[in-house]
Amino acid sequence: MNRLFGQSKGSAVPKPTLTDTAATLDSRVETLNKQIATIDQELQAYSKLPPARKAGQKARAMGLLSKKKMYERQRMTIEGQASNIGATAFAVSNIETQKQIFTGLKDAKKQLVKGYKDLKPEKVESLMDDLDDQLLDQEEMNDMFSRPIGQDTYMTDADLESELAGLAEAEFDMGPNAMLDDLHAPTVPAHTLDGGRAGVSTTKDGVMVDEFGLPKLPASGMKN
């Protein structure tokens, strides 16, 4: 009847998707794996037979081995097909992901253009300059408000030095430059060098002294 009148659109069989095809191929691979495992069991049993019985079962063992090779070739072919199906399915799904990325970037671009419409570099620079000026003014105002009032707190460096000098004079009975006046280099001895020895030896209470008045040790008293 369907050949005469056709089928309605509502009863049309849906086309298999790549996912359905991949599932079918996986099922076929699983079936082949079971068949190969069964043959392996029979071949292992054959290998354990005594030599006399092996001769009678050799033809069957050869047939099982040939069938195993055929199943392995079929499995390899189906696995290659499944790999291609998987790569294609990934590419198809990736297209949808790329479309979503494109749409998201397109919307983000619109938002950026709209957001930066009134945000110009020169306006930002002018705003930062104004803020800098305002902060400087605020710092100056803070200094003004924190200044002590009702007392004379303005002193120059000269005033501070004069006050410190007065404190030193009152406490130590020194003039302003007394410390500087006391700092002078020692005088250079006027005596000439004699035989590699400095100054002229003199005696003090029977002890040899140098030009500074310090006792001198005789050369024989020096030990290496």
C-alpha atoms as a PDB file:
ATOM      1  CA  MET A   1       0.000   0.000   0.000  1.00  0.00           C
ATOM      2  CA  ASN A   2       2.855   2.356   0.770  1.00  0.00           C
ATOM      3  CA  ARG A   3       4.166   1.857  -2.748  1.00  0.00           C
ATOM      4  CA  LEU A   4       0.849   3.022  -4.180  1.00  0.00           C
ATOM      5  CA  PHE A   5      -0.038   5.883  -1.920  1.00  0.00           C
ATOM      6  CA  GLY A   6       3.331   6.711  -0.365  1.00  0.00           C
ATOM      7  CA  GLN A   7       4.062   7.439   3.271  1.00  0.00           C
ATOM      8  CA  SER A   8       2.945  10.456   5.232  1.00  0.00           C
ATOM      9  CA  LYS A   9       5.601  12.964   6.252  1.00  0.00           C
ATOM     10  CA  GLY A  10       4.810  12.426   9.917  1.00  0.00           C
ATOM     11  CA  SER A  11       5.722   8.724   9.758  1.00  0.00           C
ATOM     12  CA  ALA A  12       9.039   9.241   7.970  1.00  0.00           C
ATOM     13  CA  VAL A  13      11.921   7.383   9.577  1.00  0.00           C
ATOM     14  CA  PRO A  14      14.507   9.860  10.954  1.00  0.00           C
ATOM     15  CA  LYS A  15      17.928   9.716   9.413  1.00  0.00           C
ATOM     16  CA  PRO A  16      20.628   8.209  11.598  1.00  0.00           C
ATOM     17  CA  THR A  17      22.981  10.700  13.117  1.00  0.00           C
ATOM     18  CA  LEU A  18      26.735  10.382  13.423  1.00  0.00           C
ATOM     19  CA  THR A  19      26.227   9.399  17.033  1.00  0.00           C
ATOM     20  CA  ASP A  20      23.897   6.579  15.996  1.00  0.00           C
ATOM     21  CA  THR A  21      26.386   5.383  13.386  1.00  0.00           C
ATOM     22  CA  ALA A  22      29.233   5.453  15.902  1.00  0.00           C
ATOM     23  CA  ALA A  23      27.149   3.401  18.336  1.00  0.00           C
ATOM     24  CA  THR A  24      26.404   0.825  15.607  1.00  0.00           C
ATOM     25  CA  LEU A  25      30.084   0.492  14.757  1.00  0.00           C
ATOM     26  CA  ASP A  26      31.033   0.100  18.412  1.00  0.00           C
ATOM     27  CA  SER A  27      28.456  -2.681  18.745  1.00  0.00           C
ATOM     28  CA  ARG A  28      29.907  -4.508  15.738  1.00  0.00           C
ATOM     29  CA  VAL A  29      33.426  -4.219  17.156  1.00  0.00           C
ATOM     30  CA  GLU A  30      32.226  -5.647  20.463  1.00  0.00           C
ATOM     31  CA  THR A  31      30.621  -8.604  18.649  1.00  0.00           C
ATOM     32  CA  LEU A  32      33.826  -9.305  16.734  1.00  0.00           C
ATOM     33  CA  ASN A  33      35.848  -9.162  19.964  1.00  0.00           C
ATOM     34  CA  LYS A  34      33.614 -11.826  21.498  1.00  0.00           C
ATOM     35  CA  GLN A  35      33.945 -14.067  18.426  1.00  0.00           C
ATOM     36  CA  ILE A  36      37.732 -13.684  18.439  1.00  0.00           C
ATOM     37  CA  ALA A  37      37.855 -14.483  22.176  1.00  0.00           C
ATOM     38  CA  THR A  38      35.822 -17.692  21.581  1.00  0.00           C
ATOM     39  CA  ILE A  39      38.206 -18.817  18.845  1.00  0.00           C
ATOM     40  CA  ASP A  40      41.212 -18.093  21.101  1.00  0.00           C
ATOM     41  CA  GLN A  41      39.759 -20.371  23.772  1.00  0.00           C
ATOM     42  CA  GLU A  42      39.335 -23.231  21.266  1.00  0.00           C
ATOM     43  CA  LEU A  43      42.856 -22.751  19.923  1.00  0.00           C
ATOM     44  CA  GLN A  44      44.278 -22.827  23.449  1.00  0.00           C
ATOM     45  CA  ALA A  45      42.412 -26.085  24.115  1.00  0.00           C
ATOM     46  CA  TYR A  46      43.803 -27.491  20.856  1.00  0.00           C
ATOM     47  CA  SER A  47      47.366 -26.580  21.861  1.00  0.00           C
ATOM     48  CA  LYS A  48      46.999 -28.654  25.037  1.00  0.00           C
ATOM     49  CA  LEU A  49      45.924 -31.848  23.208  1.00  0.00           C
ATOM     50  CA  PRO A  50      48.316 -34.801  22.959  1.00  0.00           C
ATOM     51  CA  PRO A  51      50.141 -35.119  19.621  1.00  0.00           C
ATOM     52  CA  ALA A  52      47.937 -38.016  18.518  1.00  0.00           C
ATOM     53  CA  ARG A  53      44.718 -36.036  18.906  1.00  0.00           C
ATOM     54  CA  LYS A  54      46.234 -32.849  17.469  1.00  0.00           C
ATOM     55  CA  ALA A  55      46.684 -34.594  14.137  1.00  0.00           C
ATOM     56  CA  GLY A  56      42.966 -35.306  13.932  1.00  0.00           C
ATOM     57  CA  GLN A  57      41.975 -31.746  14.991  1.00  0.00           C
ATOM     58  CA  LYS A  58      44.527 -29.924  12.844  1.00  0.00           C
ATOM     59  CA  ALA A  59      42.107 -29.104  10.010  1.00  0.00           C
ATOM     60  CA  ARG A  60      39.597 -27.580  12.420  1.00  0.00           C
ATOM     61  CA  ALA A  61      42.346 -25.591  14.156  1.00  0.00           C
ATOM     62  CA  MET A  62      43.499 -24.223  10.799  1.00  0.00           C
ATOM     63  CA  GLY A  63      39.926 -23.196   9.981  1.00  0.00           C
ATOM     64  CA  LEU A  64      39.526 -21.429  13.335  1.00  0.00           C
ATOM     65  CA  LEU A  65      42.810 -19.592  12.855  1.00  0.00           C
ATOM     66  CA  SER A  66      41.738 -18.447   9.364  1.00  0.00           C
ATOM     67  CA  LYS A  67      38.392 -17.258  10.739  1.00  0.00           C
ATOM     68  CA  LYS A  68      40.190 -15.370  13.510  1.00  0.00           C
ATOM     69  CA  LYS A  69      42.350 -13.541  10.962  1.00  0.00           C
ATOM     70  CA  MET A  70      39.206 -12.581   9.018  1.00  0.00           C
ATOM     71  CA  TYR A  71      37.513 -11.225  12.173  1.00  0.00           C
ATOM     72  CA  GLU A  72      40.626  -9.244  13.050  1.00  0.00           C
ATOM     73  CA  ARG A  73      40.680  -7.621   9.583  1.00  0.00           C
ATOM     74  CA  GLN A  74      36.995  -6.764   9.909  1.00  0.00           C
ATOM     75  CA  ARG A  75      37.579  -5.299  13.351  1.00  0.00           C
ATOM     76  CA  MET A  76      40.447  -3.169  12.064  1.00  0.00           C
ATOM     77  CA  THR A  77      38.265  -1.857   9.244  1.00  0.00           C
ATOM     78  CA  ILE A  78      35.362  -1.020  11.550  1.00  0.00           C
ATOM     79  CA  GLU A  79      37.673   0.652  14.069  1.00  0.00           C
ATOM     80  CA  GLY A  80      39.049   2.853  11.264  1.00  0.00           C
ATOM     81  CA  GLN A  81      35.514   3.788  10.244  1.00  0.00           C
ATOM     82  CA  ALA A  82      34.586   4.549  13.852  1.00  0.00           C
ATOM     83  CA  SER A  83      37.660   6.765  14.152  1.00  0.00           C
ATOM     84  CA  ASN A  84      36.598   8.740  11.073  1.00  0.00           C
ATOM     85  CA  ILE A  85      33.062   9.035  12.401  1.00  0.00           C
ATOM     86  CA  GLY A  86      34.391  10.316  15.725  1.00  0.00           C
ATOM     87  CA  ALA A  87      36.602  12.922  14.046  1.00  0.00           C
ATOM     88  CA  THR A  88      33.698  14.083  11.862  1.00  0.00           C
ATOM     89  CA  ALA A  89      31.315  14.259  14.819  1.00  0.00           C
ATOM     90  CA  PHE A  90      33.856  16.347  16.715  1.00  0.00           C
ATOM     91  CA  ALA A  91      34.241  18.715  13.757  1.00  0.00           C
ATOM     92  CA  VAL A  92      30.451  19.121  13.516  1.00  0.00           C
ATOM     93  CA  SER A  93      30.077  19.809  17.227  1.00  0.00           C
ATOM     94  CA  ASN A  94      33.036  22.162  17.102  1.00  0.00           C
ATOM     95  CA  ILE A  95      31.267  24.224  14.449  1.00  0.00           C
ATOM     96  CA  GLU A  96      28.483  24.943  16.917  1.00  0.00           C
ATOM     97  CA  THR A  97      31.038  25.894  19.548  1.00  0.00           C
ATOM     98  CA  GLN A  98      32.795  28.222  17.118  1.00  0.00           C
ATOM     99  CA  LYS A  99      29.456  29.825  16.248  1.00  0.00           C
ATOM    100  CA  GLN A 100      28.830  30.480  19.931  1.00  0.00           C
ATOM    101  CA  ILE A 101      32.314  31.955  20.301  1.00  0.00           C
ATOM    102  CA  PHE A 102      31.770  34.179  17.271  1.00  0.00           C
ATOM    103  CA  THR A 103      28.417  35.390  18.577  1.00  0.00           C
ATOM    104  CA  GLY A 104      29.873  36.087  22.010  1.00  0.00           C
ATOM    105  CA  LEU A 105      32.831  38.037  20.594  1.00  0.00           C
ATOM    106  CA  LYS A 106      30.521  39.995  18.309  1.00  0.00           C
ATOM    107  CA  ASP A 107      28.311  41.004  21.246  1.00  0.00           C
ATOM    108  CA  ALA A 108      31.391  41.876  23.316  1.00  0.00           C
ATOM    109  CA  LYS A 109      32.644  44.138  20.532  1.00  0.00           C
ATOM    110  CA  LYS A 110      29.327  45.996  20.487  1.00  0.00           C
ATOM    111  CA  GLN A 111      29.513  46.484  24.244  1.00  0.00           C
ATOM    112  CA  LEU A 112      33.095  47.757  24.007  1.00  0.00           C
ATOM    113  CA  VAL A 113      32.214  50.238  21.264  1.00  0.00           C
ATOM    114  CA  LYS A 114      29.222  51.445  23.247  1.00  0.00           C
ATOM    115  CA  GLY A 115      31.182  51.624  26.497  1.00  0.00           C
ATOM    116  CA  TYR A 116      34.097  53.587  25.001  1.00  0.00           C
ATOM    117  CA  LYS A 117      31.868  55.944  23.049  1.00  0.00           C
ATOM    118  CA  ASP A 118      32.182  58.674  25.699  1.00  0.00           C
ATOM    119  CA  LEU A 119      35.439  57.435  27.203  1.00  0.00           C
ATOM    120  CA  LYS A 120      38.174  59.175  25.213  1.00  0.00           C
ATOM    121  CA  PRO A 121      41.901  59.211  26.086  1.00  0.00           C
ATOM    122  CA  GLU A 122      42.038  63.010  26.233  1.00  0.00           C
ATOM    123  CA  LYS A 123      39.074  63.073  28.623  1.00  0.00           C
ATOM    124  CA  VAL A 124      40.719  60.516  30.864  1.00  0.00           C
ATOM    125  CA  GLU A 125      43.979  62.477  30.883  1.00  0.00           C
ATOM    126  CA  SER A 126      42.138  65.698  31.744  1.00  0.00           C
ATOM    127  CA  LEU A 127      40.283  63.942  34.543  1.00  0.00           C
ATOM    128  CA  MET A 128      43.508  62.550  36.026  1.00  0.00           C
ATOM    129  CA  ASP A 129      45.133  66.008  35.902  1.00  0.00           C
ATOM    130  CA  ASP A 130      42.130  67.509  37.692  1.00  0.00           C
ATOM    131  CA  LEU A 131      42.274  64.802  40.350  1.00  0.00           C
ATOM    132  CA  ASP A 132      45.988  65.405  40.823  1.00  0.00           C
ATOM    133  CA  ASP A 133      45.370  69.112  41.332  1.00  0.00           C
ATOM    134  CA  GLN A 134      42.557  68.407  43.763  1.00  0.00           C
ATOM    135  CA  LEU A 135      44.735  66.067  45.821  1.00  0.00           C
ATOM    136  CA  LEU A 136      47.534  68.638  45.953  1.00  0.00           C
ATOM    137  CA  ASP A 137      45.044  71.279  47.092  1.00  0.00           C
ATOM    138  CA  GLN A 138      43.727  68.893  49.715  1.00  0.00           C
ATOM    139  CA  GLU A 139      47.244  68.238  51.023  1.00  0.00           C
ATOM    140  CA  GLU A 140      47.888  71.960  51.239  1.00  0.00           C
ATOM    141  CA  MET A 141      44.620  72.480  53.101  1.00  0.00           C
ATOM    142  CA  ASN A 142      45.506  69.675  55.518  1.00  0.00           C
ATOM    143  CA  ASP A 143      48.839  71.361  56.264  1.00  0.00           C
ATOM    144  CA  MET A 144      47.061  74.644  56.876  1.00  0.00           C
ATOM    145  CA  PHE A 145      44.442  73.121  59.174  1.00  0.00           C
ATOM    146  CA  SER A 146      47.072  71.160  61.141  1.00  0.00           C
ATOM    147  CA  ARG A 147      49.231  74.250  61.785  1.00  0.00           C
ATOM    148  CA  PRO A 148      49.303  75.245  65.479  1.00  0.00           C
ATOM    149  CA  ILE A 149      47.548  78.515  66.127  1.00  0.00           C
ATOM    150  CA  GLY A 150      47.984  81.058  68.895  1.00  0.00           C
ATOM    151  CA  GLN A 151      51.778  80.673  69.152  1.00  0.00           C
ATOM    152  CA  ASP A 152      54.851  81.707  67.235  1.00  0.00           C
ATOM    153  CA  THR A 153      56.076  78.510  65.580  1.00  0.00           C
ATOM    154  CA  TYR A 154      57.874  80.002  62.640  1.00  0.00           C
ATOM    155  CA  MET A 155      61.646  79.690  63.168  1.00  0.00           C
ATOM    156  CA  THR A 156      64.350  79.823  60.536  1.00  0.00           C
ATOM    157  CA  ASP A 157      67.473  77.650  60.475  1.00  0.00           C
ATOM    158  CA  ALA A 158      69.499  80.633  61.714  1.00  0.00           C
ATOM    159  CA  ASP A 159      67.157  80.996  64.693  1.00  0.00           C
ATOM    160  CA  LEU A 160      67.594  77.310  65.555  1.00  0.00           C
ATOM    161  CA  GLU A 161      71.403  77.505  65.340  1.00  0.00           C
ATOM    162  CA  SER A 162      71.436  80.587  67.541  1.00  0.00           C
ATOM    163  CA  GLU A 163      69.226  78.894  70.125  1.00  0.00           C
ATOM    164  CA  LEU A 164      71.406  75.748  70.157  1.00  0.00           C
ATOM    165  CA  ALA A 165      74.539  77.881  70.614  1.00  0.00           C
ATOM    166  CA  GLY A 166      72.917  79.656  73.541  1.00  0.00           C
ATOM    167  CA  LEU A 167      72.045  76.324  75.183  1.00  0.00           C
ATOM    168  CA  ALA A 168      75.660  75.087  74.822  1.00  0.00           C
ATOM    169  CA  GLU A 169      77.073  78.298  76.309  1.00  0.00           C
ATOM    170  CA  ALA A 170      74.670  78.223  79.250  1.00  0.00           C
ATOM    171  CA  GLU A 171      75.228  74.537  80.060  1.00  0.00           C
ATOM    172  CA  PHE A 172      78.961  74.104  79.418  1.00  0.00           C
ATOM    173  CA  ASP A 173      80.136  77.715  79.776  1.00  0.00           C
ATOM    174  CA  MET A 174      81.459  77.658  76.203  1.00  0.00           C
ATOM    175  CA  GLY A 175      81.373  80.239  73.529  1.00  0.00           C
ATOM    176  CA  PRO A 176      79.492  79.561  70.274  1.00  0.00           C
ATOM    177  CA  ASN A 177      82.656  78.437  68.473  1.00  0.00           C
ATOM    178  CA  ALA A 178      84.556  76.978  71.444  1.00  0.00           C
ATOM    179  CA  MET A 179      84.386  73.435  70.165  1.00  0.00           C
ATOM    180  CA  LEU A 180      85.744  74.472  66.789  1.00  0.00           C
ATOM    181  CA  ASP A 181      88.523  76.525  68.399  1.00  0.00           C
ATOM    182  CA  ASP A 182      89.716  73.540  70.461  1.00  0.00           C
ATOM    183  CA  LEU A 183      90.043  71.344  67.443  1.00  0.00           C
ATOM    184  CA  HIS A 184      93.582  71.992  66.119  1.00  0.00           C
ATOM    185  CA  ALA A 185      96.322  69.786  64.699  1.00  0.00           C
ATOM    186  CA  PRO A 186      99.299  68.867  66.966  1.00  0.00           C
ATOM    187  CA  THR A 187     102.601  70.662  66.363  1.00  0.00           C
ATOM    188  CA  VAL A 188     105.232  68.940  64.314  1.00  0.00           C
ATOM    189  CA  PRO A 189     108.407  68.014  66.260  1.00  0.00           C
ATOM    190  CA  ALA A 190     111.225  70.411  65.450  1.00  0.00           C
ATOM    191  CA  HIS A 191     114.018  67.923  66.119  1.00  0.00           C
ATOM    192  CA  THR A 192     115.783  66.302  63.180  1.00  0.00           C
ATOM    193  CA  LEU A 193     115.998  62.575  62.601  1.00  0.00           C
ATOM    194  CA  ASP A 194     119.208  61.035  63.817  1.00  0.00           C
ATOM    195  CA  GLY A 195     120.297  57.572  62.677  1.00  0.00           C
ATOM    196  CA  GLY A 196     116.735  56.535  61.929  1.00  0.00           C
ATOM    197  CA  ARG A 197     115.543  57.570  65.443  1.00  0.00           C
ATOM    198  CA  ALA A 198     113.038  60.365  65.949  1.00  0.00           C
ATOM    199  CA  GLY A 199     114.018  63.297  68.191  1.00  0.00           C
ATOM    200  CA  VAL A 200     116.931  63.786  70.624  1.00  0.00           C
ATOM    201  CA  SER A 201     117.079  61.532  73.655  1.00  0.00           C
ATOM    202  CA  THR A 202     117.017  63.230  77.042  1.00  0.00           C
ATOM    203  CA  THR A 203     116.996  61.912  80.561  1.00  0.00           C
ATOM    204  CA  LYS A 204     114.386  62.308  83.219  1.00  0.00           C
ATOM    205  CA  ASP A 205     115.222  60.950  86.627  1.00  0.00           C
ATOM    206  CA  GLY A 206     117.799  58.703  84.975  1.00  0.00           C
ATOM    207  CA  VAL A 207     115.349  57.273  82.391  1.00  0.00           C
ATOM    208  CA  MET A 208     115.799  57.868  78.667  1.00  0.00           C
ATOM    209  CA  VAL A 209     112.755  59.674  77.167  1.00  0.00           C
ATOM    210  CA  ASP A 210     111.858  60.857  73.704  1.00  0.00           C
ATOM    211  CA  GLU A 211     110.794  64.294  72.557  1.00  0.00           C
ATOM    212  CA  PHE A 212     107.263  63.628  73.830  1.00  0.00           C
ATOM    213  CA  GLY A 213     108.504  62.810  77.304  1.00  0.00           C
ATOM    214  CA  LEU A 214     107.737  59.098  77.056  1.00  0.00           C
ATOM    215  CA  PRO A 215     110.201  56.445  78.308  1.00  0.00           C
ATOM    216  CA  LYS A 216     112.303  54.832  75.626  1.00  0.00           C
ATOM    217  CA  LEU A 217     113.203  51.176  75.524  1.00  0.00           C
ATOM    218  CA  PRO A 218     116.754  50.269  74.546  1.00  0.00           C
ATOM    219  CA  ALA A 219     117.198  48.457  71.214  1.00  0.00           C
ATOM    220  CA  SER A 220     118.562  45.384  72.999  1.00  0.00           C
ATOM    221  CA  GLY A 221     115.243  45.112  74.860  1.00  0.00           C
ATOM    222  CA  MET A 222     113.263  44.430  71.639  1.00  0.00           C
ATOM    223  CA  LYS A 223     112.585  40.740  71.116  1.00  0.00           C
ATOM    224  CA  ASN A 224     111.631  39.164  67.835  1.00  0.00           C
END
